[in-house]
Structures are given as C-alpha cells and as structure tokens.
N, C-alpha and C. Protein backbone atom coordinates (compact mmCIF):
# COMPACT_ATOMS: atom_id res chain seq x y z
N MET A 1 128.88 -168.48 178.88
CA MET A 1 129.32 -167.24 179.43
C MET A 1 128.20 -166.35 179.73
N LEU A 2 127.29 -165.89 178.82
CA LEU A 2 126.48 -164.82 178.76
C LEU A 2 125.38 -165.33 179.94
N LYS A 3 124.96 -166.87 179.75
CA LYS A 3 123.96 -167.26 180.76
C LYS A 3 124.51 -167.07 182.20
N ASN A 4 125.63 -167.44 182.59
CA ASN A 4 126.25 -167.40 183.74
C ASN A 4 126.20 -166.06 184.23
N LEU A 5 126.56 -164.89 183.35
CA LEU A 5 126.62 -163.66 183.63
C LEU A 5 125.20 -163.17 184.02
N VAL A 6 124.01 -163.43 183.41
CA VAL A 6 122.72 -163.12 183.51
C VAL A 6 122.18 -163.76 184.81
N ARG A 7 122.52 -165.10 185.14
CA ARG A 7 122.19 -165.61 186.32
C ARG A 7 122.99 -164.93 187.59
N ILE A 8 124.30 -164.53 187.55
CA ILE A 8 124.93 -163.89 188.63
C ILE A 8 124.35 -162.47 188.73
N SER A 9 124.02 -161.72 187.64
CA SER A 9 123.24 -160.39 187.76
C SER A 9 121.96 -160.69 188.39
N SER A 10 121.19 -161.55 188.08
CA SER A 10 119.87 -161.96 188.56
C SER A 10 119.97 -161.99 190.19
N ALA A 11 120.93 -162.85 190.42
CA ALA A 11 121.13 -163.22 192.00
C ALA A 11 121.53 -162.13 192.48
N THR A 12 122.38 -161.34 192.17
CA THR A 12 122.91 -160.10 192.68
C THR A 12 121.73 -159.26 193.03
N ILE A 13 120.88 -158.99 192.13
CA ILE A 13 119.75 -158.02 192.20
C ILE A 13 118.66 -158.62 193.08
N LEU A 14 118.44 -159.90 193.15
CA LEU A 14 117.43 -160.32 194.05
C LEU A 14 117.85 -160.38 195.52
N THR A 15 119.29 -160.66 195.67
CA THR A 15 119.85 -160.56 197.08
C THR A 15 119.73 -159.04 197.53
N ALA A 16 120.11 -158.17 196.73
CA ALA A 16 119.96 -156.85 197.00
C ALA A 16 118.45 -156.33 197.31
N ALA A 17 117.66 -156.87 196.48
CA ALA A 17 116.44 -156.35 196.97
C ALA A 17 115.93 -157.03 198.28
N LEU A 18 116.09 -158.24 198.55
CA LEU A 18 115.66 -158.87 199.72
C LEU A 18 116.50 -158.38 200.90
N ALA A 19 117.69 -157.92 200.66
CA ALA A 19 118.51 -157.27 201.80
C ALA A 19 117.77 -155.81 202.03
N SER A 20 117.33 -155.14 201.17
CA SER A 20 117.06 -153.79 201.38
C SER A 20 115.26 -153.85 201.93
N ALA A 21 114.73 -155.01 201.64
CA ALA A 21 113.31 -155.40 202.14
C ALA A 21 113.53 -155.69 203.76
N ALA A 22 114.64 -156.29 203.97
CA ALA A 22 114.74 -156.71 205.41
C ALA A 22 115.06 -155.34 206.33
N VAL A 23 115.62 -154.26 205.86
CA VAL A 23 115.89 -153.35 206.63
C VAL A 23 114.79 -152.24 206.78
N ALA A 24 114.36 -152.01 207.97
CA ALA A 24 113.02 -151.30 208.10
C ALA A 24 113.59 -149.91 207.64
N ALA A 25 112.64 -149.13 207.23
CA ALA A 25 112.67 -147.70 206.94
C ALA A 25 111.69 -146.73 207.76
N PRO A 26 112.27 -145.55 207.78
CA PRO A 26 111.20 -144.70 208.43
C PRO A 26 109.93 -144.59 207.76
N VAL A 27 108.76 -144.47 208.39
CA VAL A 27 107.54 -144.33 207.90
C VAL A 27 107.04 -142.89 208.04
N ASN A 28 106.46 -142.13 207.08
CA ASN A 28 106.10 -140.86 207.21
C ASN A 28 104.58 -140.82 207.13
N TYR A 29 103.94 -140.18 208.34
CA TYR A 29 102.60 -140.22 208.62
C TYR A 29 102.16 -138.78 208.50
N ALA A 30 100.81 -138.48 208.00
CA ALA A 30 100.27 -137.22 208.05
C ALA A 30 99.14 -137.25 209.15
N ILE A 31 99.04 -136.27 209.95
CA ILE A 31 98.21 -136.24 211.09
C ILE A 31 96.66 -136.18 210.41
N ASP A 32 95.81 -137.06 210.98
CA ASP A 32 94.47 -137.12 210.50
C ASP A 32 93.61 -135.81 211.34
N GLU A 33 93.53 -134.75 210.61
CA GLU A 33 92.79 -133.70 211.29
C GLU A 33 91.47 -134.10 212.10
N SER A 34 90.66 -134.99 211.35
CA SER A 34 89.48 -135.45 211.92
C SER A 34 89.45 -136.26 213.04
N HIS A 35 90.68 -136.54 213.38
CA HIS A 35 90.72 -137.65 214.67
C HIS A 35 91.92 -137.15 215.60
N THR A 36 92.27 -135.93 215.51
CA THR A 36 93.38 -135.41 216.36
C THR A 36 92.94 -134.10 217.13
N PHE A 37 93.00 -134.29 218.38
CA PHE A 37 92.22 -133.12 219.10
C PHE A 37 93.21 -132.75 220.54
N PRO A 38 93.85 -131.82 220.57
CA PRO A 38 94.57 -131.35 221.73
C PRO A 38 93.44 -130.64 222.83
N ARG A 39 93.56 -130.98 223.97
CA ARG A 39 92.72 -130.60 224.92
C ARG A 39 93.55 -130.01 226.00
N PHE A 40 93.11 -129.04 226.89
CA PHE A 40 93.78 -128.55 228.10
C PHE A 40 92.73 -128.35 229.22
N SER A 41 93.18 -128.57 230.41
CA SER A 41 92.47 -128.46 231.62
C SER A 41 93.11 -127.81 232.72
N TYR A 42 92.30 -127.14 233.55
CA TYR A 42 92.89 -126.15 234.56
C TYR A 42 91.91 -126.05 235.81
N ASP A 43 92.30 -125.89 236.92
CA ASP A 43 91.41 -125.62 238.01
C ASP A 43 90.97 -124.34 238.03
N HIS A 44 89.57 -124.15 238.13
CA HIS A 44 88.98 -122.78 238.03
C HIS A 44 88.40 -122.50 239.43
N MET A 45 89.53 -121.78 240.29
CA MET A 45 89.03 -121.20 241.64
C MET A 45 88.68 -122.26 242.49
N GLY A 46 89.01 -123.53 242.42
CA GLY A 46 88.63 -124.48 243.30
C GLY A 46 87.30 -125.09 243.09
N PHE A 47 86.46 -124.53 242.00
CA PHE A 47 85.27 -124.87 241.73
C PHE A 47 85.17 -126.28 241.02
N SER A 48 85.90 -126.17 239.86
CA SER A 48 85.86 -127.31 238.94
C SER A 48 87.10 -127.25 238.08
N THR A 49 87.24 -128.51 237.40
CA THR A 49 88.42 -128.46 236.31
C THR A 49 87.61 -128.27 235.01
N GLN A 50 88.22 -127.18 234.44
CA GLN A 50 87.56 -126.83 233.12
C GLN A 50 88.36 -127.36 232.01
N LEU A 51 87.62 -127.85 230.91
CA LEU A 51 88.29 -128.57 229.89
C LEU A 51 87.89 -127.94 228.50
N SER A 52 88.81 -127.65 227.68
CA SER A 52 88.59 -127.11 226.42
C SER A 52 89.27 -127.79 225.52
N VAL A 53 89.11 -127.62 224.22
CA VAL A 53 89.58 -128.42 222.91
C VAL A 53 90.15 -127.43 221.79
N PHE A 54 90.95 -127.81 221.09
CA PHE A 54 91.37 -127.14 219.85
C PHE A 54 90.83 -128.02 218.73
N LYS A 55 90.23 -127.37 217.70
CA LYS A 55 89.50 -128.13 216.82
C LYS A 55 90.18 -128.49 215.45
N LYS A 56 91.33 -127.44 215.29
CA LYS A 56 92.17 -127.67 214.06
C LYS A 56 93.74 -127.82 214.29
N THR A 57 94.08 -129.01 213.99
CA THR A 57 95.63 -129.54 214.22
C THR A 57 96.06 -130.12 213.00
N THR A 58 97.41 -129.83 212.64
CA THR A 58 98.06 -130.38 211.44
C THR A 58 99.42 -130.81 211.92
N GLY A 59 100.14 -131.76 211.26
CA GLY A 59 101.29 -132.04 211.21
C GLY A 59 101.90 -133.29 210.79
N THR A 60 102.96 -133.79 211.19
CA THR A 60 103.42 -134.87 210.47
C THR A 60 104.19 -135.91 211.70
N VAL A 61 104.12 -137.13 211.30
CA VAL A 61 105.08 -137.96 212.38
C VAL A 61 105.82 -138.78 211.53
N VAL A 62 107.10 -138.88 211.76
CA VAL A 62 108.11 -139.87 211.13
C VAL A 62 108.47 -140.88 212.33
N LEU A 63 108.32 -142.31 211.79
CA LEU A 63 108.77 -143.27 212.92
C LEU A 63 109.33 -144.43 212.11
N ASP A 64 110.51 -144.83 212.91
CA ASP A 64 111.27 -145.89 212.57
C ASP A 64 111.32 -146.86 213.78
N ARG A 65 110.41 -147.76 213.83
CA ARG A 65 110.23 -148.70 214.88
C ARG A 65 111.41 -149.59 215.13
N GLU A 66 112.05 -149.86 214.03
CA GLU A 66 113.15 -150.76 213.86
C GLU A 66 114.37 -150.09 214.57
N ALA A 67 114.68 -148.67 214.12
CA ALA A 67 115.73 -148.09 214.63
C ALA A 67 115.38 -147.31 215.97
N LYS A 68 114.17 -147.40 216.39
CA LYS A 68 113.65 -146.77 217.48
C LYS A 68 113.97 -145.25 217.43
N THR A 69 113.53 -144.50 216.42
CA THR A 69 113.67 -143.10 216.29
C THR A 69 112.49 -142.57 215.54
N GLY A 70 112.24 -141.34 215.84
CA GLY A 70 111.06 -140.60 215.37
C GLY A 70 111.09 -139.10 215.47
N GLU A 71 110.11 -138.41 214.84
CA GLU A 71 110.10 -137.12 214.69
C GLU A 71 108.59 -136.75 214.77
N ILE A 72 108.27 -135.86 215.47
CA ILE A 72 106.83 -135.29 215.48
C ILE A 72 106.68 -133.71 215.47
N ASN A 73 105.95 -133.28 214.62
CA ASN A 73 105.73 -131.85 214.26
C ASN A 73 104.37 -131.55 214.46
N ILE A 74 103.82 -130.82 215.31
CA ILE A 74 102.36 -130.61 215.48
C ILE A 74 102.20 -128.93 215.40
N GLU A 75 101.05 -128.67 214.64
CA GLU A 75 100.81 -127.14 214.75
C GLU A 75 99.29 -127.06 215.14
N ILE A 76 99.00 -126.28 216.19
CA ILE A 76 97.69 -126.15 216.62
C ILE A 76 97.15 -124.65 216.19
N ASP A 77 96.10 -124.71 215.60
CA ASP A 77 95.40 -123.25 215.28
C ASP A 77 94.85 -122.85 216.58
N THR A 78 95.44 -121.91 217.35
CA THR A 78 94.90 -121.52 218.52
C THR A 78 93.52 -120.87 218.51
N ARG A 79 92.99 -120.32 217.23
CA ARG A 79 91.89 -119.60 216.97
C ARG A 79 90.74 -120.62 217.08
N SER A 80 91.07 -121.91 216.92
CA SER A 80 90.04 -122.98 216.93
C SER A 80 89.71 -123.39 218.30
N VAL A 81 90.31 -122.69 219.23
CA VAL A 81 89.85 -123.13 220.80
C VAL A 81 88.39 -123.21 220.91
N ASP A 82 87.89 -124.08 221.53
CA ASP A 82 86.40 -124.28 221.89
C ASP A 82 86.20 -124.51 223.47
N THR A 83 85.98 -123.59 224.08
CA THR A 83 85.68 -123.89 225.68
C THR A 83 84.20 -124.19 225.84
N GLY A 84 83.40 -124.39 224.89
CA GLY A 84 81.99 -124.83 224.96
C GLY A 84 81.13 -123.37 225.08
N HIS A 85 81.54 -122.30 225.11
CA HIS A 85 80.82 -121.13 225.26
C HIS A 85 81.49 -119.98 224.35
N ASP A 86 80.74 -119.50 223.37
CA ASP A 86 81.26 -118.52 222.41
C ASP A 86 82.18 -117.33 223.08
N ASP A 87 81.48 -116.79 224.12
CA ASP A 87 82.09 -115.55 224.62
C ASP A 87 83.25 -115.88 225.45
N PHE A 88 83.39 -117.18 225.97
CA PHE A 88 84.47 -117.44 226.73
C PHE A 88 85.63 -117.83 225.72
N ASN A 89 85.28 -118.27 224.52
CA ASN A 89 86.36 -118.71 223.42
C ASN A 89 87.02 -117.35 223.16
N GLY A 90 86.22 -116.27 222.93
CA GLY A 90 86.82 -114.85 222.67
C GLY A 90 87.79 -114.54 224.08
N HIS A 91 87.32 -114.73 225.20
CA HIS A 91 88.11 -114.27 226.34
C HIS A 91 89.44 -115.11 226.27
N ILE A 92 89.34 -116.38 225.92
CA ILE A 92 90.75 -117.09 225.99
C ILE A 92 91.57 -116.81 224.95
N GLN A 93 90.98 -116.31 223.76
CA GLN A 93 91.78 -115.84 222.84
C GLN A 93 92.48 -114.38 222.86
N GLY A 94 92.07 -113.61 224.00
CA GLY A 94 92.50 -112.52 224.24
C GLY A 94 94.13 -112.19 224.59
N GLU A 95 94.62 -111.00 224.86
CA GLU A 95 96.01 -110.91 224.93
C GLU A 95 96.49 -111.45 226.33
N ASP A 96 95.54 -111.63 227.25
CA ASP A 96 96.24 -112.22 228.34
C ASP A 96 96.20 -113.68 228.48
N PHE A 97 95.67 -114.16 227.51
CA PHE A 97 95.76 -115.74 227.55
C PHE A 97 96.55 -116.10 226.30
N LEU A 98 95.74 -116.70 225.26
CA LEU A 98 96.41 -117.04 223.97
C LEU A 98 96.79 -116.04 222.90
N ASN A 99 96.32 -114.84 223.18
CA ASN A 99 96.59 -113.57 222.17
C ASN A 99 96.56 -114.20 220.74
N THR A 100 95.55 -114.73 220.19
CA THR A 100 95.45 -115.34 218.85
C THR A 100 95.61 -114.42 217.88
N ALA A 101 95.36 -113.13 217.83
CA ALA A 101 95.53 -112.30 217.06
C ALA A 101 96.97 -112.03 216.62
N GLU A 102 97.88 -112.04 217.55
CA GLU A 102 99.27 -111.99 217.38
C GLU A 102 100.02 -113.28 217.28
N PHE A 103 99.47 -114.23 217.90
CA PHE A 103 100.08 -115.78 217.74
C PHE A 103 98.95 -116.70 217.44
N PRO A 104 98.64 -117.02 216.15
CA PRO A 104 97.55 -117.72 215.91
C PRO A 104 97.90 -119.19 215.81
N THR A 105 99.15 -119.66 216.19
CA THR A 105 99.47 -121.03 216.27
C THR A 105 100.35 -121.24 217.59
N ALA A 106 100.23 -122.68 218.05
CA ALA A 106 101.12 -123.17 218.94
C ALA A 106 101.70 -124.36 218.21
N THR A 107 102.95 -124.56 218.70
CA THR A 107 103.60 -125.82 217.93
C THR A 107 104.41 -126.61 219.09
N PHE A 108 104.54 -127.88 218.54
CA PHE A 108 105.28 -128.73 219.32
C PHE A 108 106.38 -129.34 218.21
N LYS A 109 107.58 -129.34 218.51
CA LYS A 109 108.60 -129.96 217.62
C LYS A 109 109.43 -130.80 218.57
N SER A 110 109.47 -132.32 218.12
CA SER A 110 110.21 -133.13 218.90
C SER A 110 111.72 -133.03 218.76
N THR A 111 112.41 -133.40 219.94
CA THR A 111 113.91 -133.56 219.82
C THR A 111 114.26 -134.92 219.88
N SER A 112 113.36 -135.95 220.42
CA SER A 112 113.61 -137.35 220.50
C SER A 112 112.35 -137.89 220.87
N VAL A 113 112.30 -139.25 220.49
CA VAL A 113 111.21 -140.23 220.70
C VAL A 113 112.13 -141.34 221.70
N ASN A 114 111.29 -141.36 222.87
CA ASN A 114 112.01 -142.55 223.70
C ASN A 114 111.20 -143.80 223.66
N PHE A 115 111.81 -144.90 223.65
CA PHE A 115 111.05 -146.09 223.55
C PHE A 115 111.17 -146.88 224.67
N ASP A 116 110.04 -147.81 225.13
CA ASP A 116 110.22 -148.64 226.02
C ASP A 116 110.01 -150.04 225.33
N GLY A 117 111.15 -150.76 225.17
CA GLY A 117 110.92 -151.90 224.18
C GLY A 117 110.85 -151.59 222.78
N ASP A 118 109.62 -152.10 222.12
CA ASP A 118 109.42 -151.75 220.78
C ASP A 118 108.48 -150.57 220.73
N THR A 119 108.01 -149.97 221.74
CA THR A 119 106.76 -149.06 221.98
C THR A 119 107.37 -147.61 222.33
N PRO A 120 106.99 -146.50 221.70
CA PRO A 120 107.31 -145.19 222.06
C PRO A 120 106.63 -144.86 223.40
N ALA A 121 107.31 -144.48 224.23
CA ALA A 121 106.93 -144.26 225.76
C ALA A 121 106.92 -142.65 226.07
N SER A 122 107.67 -141.97 225.31
CA SER A 122 107.48 -140.42 225.65
C SER A 122 108.21 -139.72 224.54
N VAL A 123 107.94 -138.50 224.41
CA VAL A 123 108.51 -137.63 223.30
C VAL A 123 109.06 -136.38 223.83
N ASP A 124 110.41 -135.91 223.89
CA ASP A 124 110.90 -134.71 224.21
C ASP A 124 110.78 -133.93 223.18
N GLY A 125 110.52 -132.69 223.34
CA GLY A 125 110.59 -131.51 222.37
C GLY A 125 110.34 -130.14 222.86
N GLU A 126 109.97 -129.11 222.00
CA GLU A 126 109.98 -127.92 222.23
C GLU A 126 108.46 -127.37 221.92
N LEU A 127 107.83 -126.92 222.90
CA LEU A 127 106.44 -126.49 222.92
C LEU A 127 106.55 -124.98 222.89
N THR A 128 105.88 -124.34 221.92
CA THR A 128 105.74 -122.97 221.67
C THR A 128 104.56 -122.45 221.68
N ILE A 129 104.15 -121.59 222.72
CA ILE A 129 102.85 -120.89 222.90
C ILE A 129 103.21 -119.40 223.05
N LYS A 130 102.57 -118.57 222.40
CA LYS A 130 102.71 -116.89 222.46
C LYS A 130 104.14 -116.48 222.15
N GLY A 131 104.77 -117.36 221.28
CA GLY A 131 106.12 -116.99 220.83
C GLY A 131 107.19 -117.41 221.97
N VAL A 132 106.81 -118.06 223.07
CA VAL A 132 107.76 -118.55 224.08
C VAL A 132 107.75 -120.09 223.78
N SER A 133 108.92 -120.49 223.73
CA SER A 133 109.34 -121.96 223.68
C SER A 133 110.06 -122.43 224.88
N LYS A 134 109.59 -123.61 225.23
CA LYS A 134 110.00 -124.28 226.49
C LYS A 134 110.23 -125.74 226.12
N PRO A 135 111.21 -126.46 226.80
CA PRO A 135 111.23 -127.86 226.64
C PRO A 135 110.36 -128.64 227.34
N VAL A 136 109.63 -129.56 226.89
CA VAL A 136 108.57 -130.50 227.57
C VAL A 136 108.84 -131.97 227.35
N THR A 137 108.30 -132.61 228.03
CA THR A 137 108.28 -134.12 227.70
C THR A 137 106.71 -134.78 227.51
N LEU A 138 106.22 -135.07 226.55
CA LEU A 138 104.84 -135.68 226.27
C LEU A 138 105.16 -137.16 226.99
N GLU A 139 104.29 -137.64 227.90
CA GLU A 139 104.15 -138.91 228.32
C GLU A 139 103.05 -139.57 227.50
N ILE A 140 103.47 -140.72 226.63
CA ILE A 140 102.50 -141.48 225.84
C ILE A 140 101.88 -142.48 226.76
N THR A 141 100.37 -142.25 226.79
CA THR A 141 99.76 -143.13 227.57
C THR A 141 99.06 -144.41 226.87
N HIS A 142 99.03 -144.33 225.58
CA HIS A 142 98.50 -145.30 224.70
C HIS A 142 99.24 -145.03 223.34
N PHE A 143 99.54 -146.25 222.57
CA PHE A 143 100.30 -146.13 221.27
C PHE A 143 99.72 -147.51 220.44
N VAL A 144 99.36 -147.28 219.38
CA VAL A 144 99.09 -148.36 218.37
C VAL A 144 99.48 -147.96 217.04
N ALA A 145 100.10 -148.98 216.30
CA ALA A 145 100.55 -148.78 214.88
C ALA A 145 100.12 -150.10 214.20
N LYS A 146 99.16 -149.90 213.22
CA LYS A 146 98.71 -151.02 212.44
C LYS A 146 97.98 -150.62 211.13
N PRO A 147 97.56 -151.54 210.27
CA PRO A 147 96.82 -151.15 209.23
C PRO A 147 95.54 -150.42 209.60
N HIS A 148 95.01 -149.47 208.88
CA HIS A 148 93.72 -148.95 209.14
C HIS A 148 92.58 -149.89 208.62
N PRO A 149 91.73 -150.36 209.22
CA PRO A 149 90.62 -151.29 208.66
C PRO A 149 89.83 -150.88 207.62
N MET A 150 89.46 -149.44 207.62
CA MET A 150 88.82 -148.92 206.51
C MET A 150 89.49 -148.41 205.39
N LEU A 151 90.72 -147.79 205.77
CA LEU A 151 91.42 -147.01 204.55
C LEU A 151 92.44 -147.85 204.06
N LYS A 152 92.58 -149.18 204.67
CA LYS A 152 93.67 -150.10 203.96
C LYS A 152 95.00 -149.46 203.90
N LYS A 153 95.52 -148.59 204.86
CA LYS A 153 96.86 -148.17 204.61
C LYS A 153 97.43 -148.14 206.18
N GLU A 154 98.70 -147.89 206.24
CA GLU A 154 99.10 -148.03 207.73
C GLU A 154 98.84 -146.80 208.47
N ALA A 155 98.55 -146.89 209.75
CA ALA A 155 97.92 -145.70 210.57
C ALA A 155 98.65 -145.92 211.86
N LEU A 156 98.66 -144.93 212.71
CA LEU A 156 99.08 -145.01 214.05
C LEU A 156 98.12 -144.08 214.78
N GLY A 157 97.99 -144.36 216.26
CA GLY A 157 97.28 -143.68 217.05
C GLY A 157 98.05 -143.53 218.41
N ALA A 158 97.81 -142.40 219.12
CA ALA A 158 98.47 -142.30 220.50
C ALA A 158 97.57 -141.26 221.19
N ASN A 159 97.84 -141.39 222.59
CA ASN A 159 97.35 -140.41 223.49
C ASN A 159 98.40 -139.99 224.39
N ALA A 160 98.75 -138.67 224.50
CA ALA A 160 99.97 -138.27 225.22
C ALA A 160 99.41 -137.15 226.40
N THR A 161 100.16 -136.86 227.31
CA THR A 161 99.97 -135.71 228.09
C THR A 161 101.27 -135.09 228.73
N VAL A 162 101.08 -133.78 229.15
CA VAL A 162 102.18 -133.11 229.80
C VAL A 162 101.56 -131.91 230.52
N THR A 163 102.14 -131.61 231.53
CA THR A 163 101.48 -130.45 232.55
C THR A 163 102.48 -129.22 232.36
N ILE A 164 102.10 -128.12 232.04
CA ILE A 164 102.85 -126.84 231.96
C ILE A 164 102.20 -125.67 232.96
N LYS A 165 103.15 -124.92 233.28
CA LYS A 165 102.81 -123.68 233.92
C LYS A 165 102.39 -122.62 232.91
N ARG A 166 101.18 -122.11 232.76
CA ARG A 166 100.85 -121.19 231.82
C ARG A 166 101.63 -119.80 232.11
N SER A 167 102.00 -119.63 233.26
CA SER A 167 102.52 -118.20 233.41
C SER A 167 103.97 -118.30 232.89
N GLU A 168 104.51 -119.29 232.64
CA GLU A 168 105.72 -119.47 231.88
C GLU A 168 105.74 -119.02 230.42
N PHE A 169 104.36 -119.19 229.88
CA PHE A 169 104.20 -118.75 228.40
C PHE A 169 103.59 -117.46 228.25
N ASN A 170 103.72 -116.47 229.27
CA ASN A 170 103.04 -115.11 229.50
C ASN A 170 101.57 -115.33 229.34
N ALA A 171 100.95 -116.45 229.92
CA ALA A 171 99.38 -116.37 229.97
C ALA A 171 98.81 -116.66 231.41
N GLY A 172 99.69 -115.95 232.46
CA GLY A 172 99.36 -116.27 233.62
C GLY A 172 98.43 -115.34 234.55
N LYS A 173 97.63 -114.77 233.88
CA LYS A 173 96.53 -113.83 234.47
C LYS A 173 95.68 -114.79 235.42
N PHE A 174 95.36 -114.10 236.62
CA PHE A 174 94.48 -114.77 237.55
C PHE A 174 95.14 -115.86 238.24
N ALA A 175 96.38 -116.15 237.98
CA ALA A 175 96.95 -117.28 238.64
C ALA A 175 97.55 -116.72 240.05
N PRO A 176 97.38 -117.31 241.28
CA PRO A 176 96.83 -118.72 241.40
C PRO A 176 95.57 -119.17 241.48
N ALA A 177 94.60 -117.95 241.58
CA ALA A 177 93.22 -118.28 241.77
C ALA A 177 92.76 -119.15 240.85
N VAL A 178 93.03 -118.99 239.49
CA VAL A 178 92.70 -119.79 238.36
C VAL A 178 94.02 -120.55 238.24
N GLY A 179 94.06 -121.85 238.36
CA GLY A 179 95.15 -122.50 238.38
C GLY A 179 96.12 -122.28 237.25
N ASP A 180 97.58 -122.10 237.73
CA ASP A 180 98.66 -122.14 236.82
C ASP A 180 99.03 -123.25 236.15
N ASP A 181 98.79 -124.31 236.76
CA ASP A 181 99.07 -125.73 236.07
C ASP A 181 98.03 -126.06 234.99
N VAL A 182 98.54 -126.14 233.95
CA VAL A 182 97.68 -126.71 232.72
C VAL A 182 98.06 -128.04 232.23
N THR A 183 96.93 -128.88 232.15
CA THR A 183 97.35 -130.25 231.65
C THR A 183 96.87 -130.35 230.13
N ILE A 184 97.69 -130.53 229.42
CA ILE A 184 97.57 -130.75 227.77
C ILE A 184 97.75 -132.02 227.55
N THR A 185 96.50 -132.64 226.90
CA THR A 185 96.45 -133.96 226.43
C THR A 185 96.15 -134.13 224.90
N ILE A 186 96.61 -134.82 224.31
CA ILE A 186 96.29 -135.07 222.74
C ILE A 186 96.11 -136.29 222.34
N ALA A 187 94.96 -136.42 221.58
CA ALA A 187 94.48 -137.75 221.02
C ALA A 187 94.81 -137.61 219.55
N LEU A 188 95.73 -138.33 219.10
CA LEU A 188 96.33 -138.21 217.81
C LEU A 188 96.13 -139.53 217.04
N GLU A 189 95.71 -139.22 215.73
CA GLU A 189 95.98 -140.22 214.83
C GLU A 189 96.47 -139.83 213.45
N ALA A 190 97.21 -140.78 212.85
CA ALA A 190 98.02 -140.28 211.64
C ALA A 190 97.99 -141.47 210.47
N LEU A 191 98.05 -140.95 209.30
CA LEU A 191 97.85 -142.13 208.24
C LEU A 191 99.24 -141.94 207.47
N ALA A 192 99.78 -143.14 207.14
CA ALA A 192 100.95 -143.22 206.22
C ALA A 192 100.72 -142.42 205.02
N ASP A 193 101.94 -141.78 204.37
CA ASP A 193 101.66 -141.02 203.13
C ASP A 193 101.71 -141.97 202.06
C-alpha cells in the first residue's frame, strides 16, 4: 500500500513538472546598455539629414512568445545626447529643445506588443519627452531571440523606428526650416535576468 502511494505521488509530481515545463512563461530581460542606442534624425534646412545618438539607455523587456504578449520600458538619459559636436550638444540640451536641466530623461512605456506570427512586429506605447506624453507605435524592422554565444544566456535584439513631430513635445523651435519630423530609431539588445 505504501509503495503504491509513493508510486502515485511520484507520478503526480512528475506529471505536474512536465506539464509546467510545457507551459511557456514570460522571460524578463534587462537592456544591455553597451549595445542599446537610440538615435534621432531630422532635416536641417534642406542641407542634410542630421544624426544624433543618446549614449545612456536603461530599461526592461518582458516577452512571452508563446502567449504573444510583452512589455517594454525604456528610459533614455537625455543629457547623454551626442550630436558629434560639444557646443551643439549643449544647444540641443537647452530649453528650446530637450531642456535636460528640467527633464533629464525621456521614456517609452509599452501598452501592447503586436505579433506577426511568432515574431513581434510593432509595439504600441507612450513616449514622454519634456514631460509631454503621446501615444506612438514603434515599427520593429529586425528581431531575434536566441542564446547569446559568448554569455551563454538567453538574449534578444531588435531594431525599431518611429517618426514624431518635435513641436508636439514642446521642442519645435525653428520649425519648419529645421524639420519638425524627427525619426527615432533604436538598436536594442537585452539579456535574460
């Protein structure tokens, strides 16, 4: 009788373990700051397309590919803007543009991740710049999730883009001579916790 009870209990535990292994769970990732760079570009009076980057970005990604759900939270240190010229970095950080003294961060918080088959295709969310929040959709142009070959842990990478009107975020000085449309792209890598 005791042997049968042990066998039944063991079988129940094994069945429960196998069942829970078959159910996918969300994976939590931390953004890899050394491989994540938001950039922005805009037309400069018809002469050229200017490109700048932010050097400090933190955040998290939660992804459940089985359930086709996810959550993305990104925080950009706007004081880390790099235009390629020190004086212009200060100009962009001024009150007319990023106003980093009052608003040292910009954020993106997702509301939904939209899948095309098994792959995330876009992310809806709220972008906040200079204290102004607007709904935006990041279009994902590249996505991969696989074990990191060097770090031997799960990782993901993505490229995404969105175009905004800077005037809608109280940063419209010199528009339209200097383009009001700003294209934001982000190259993101993240490592599983």
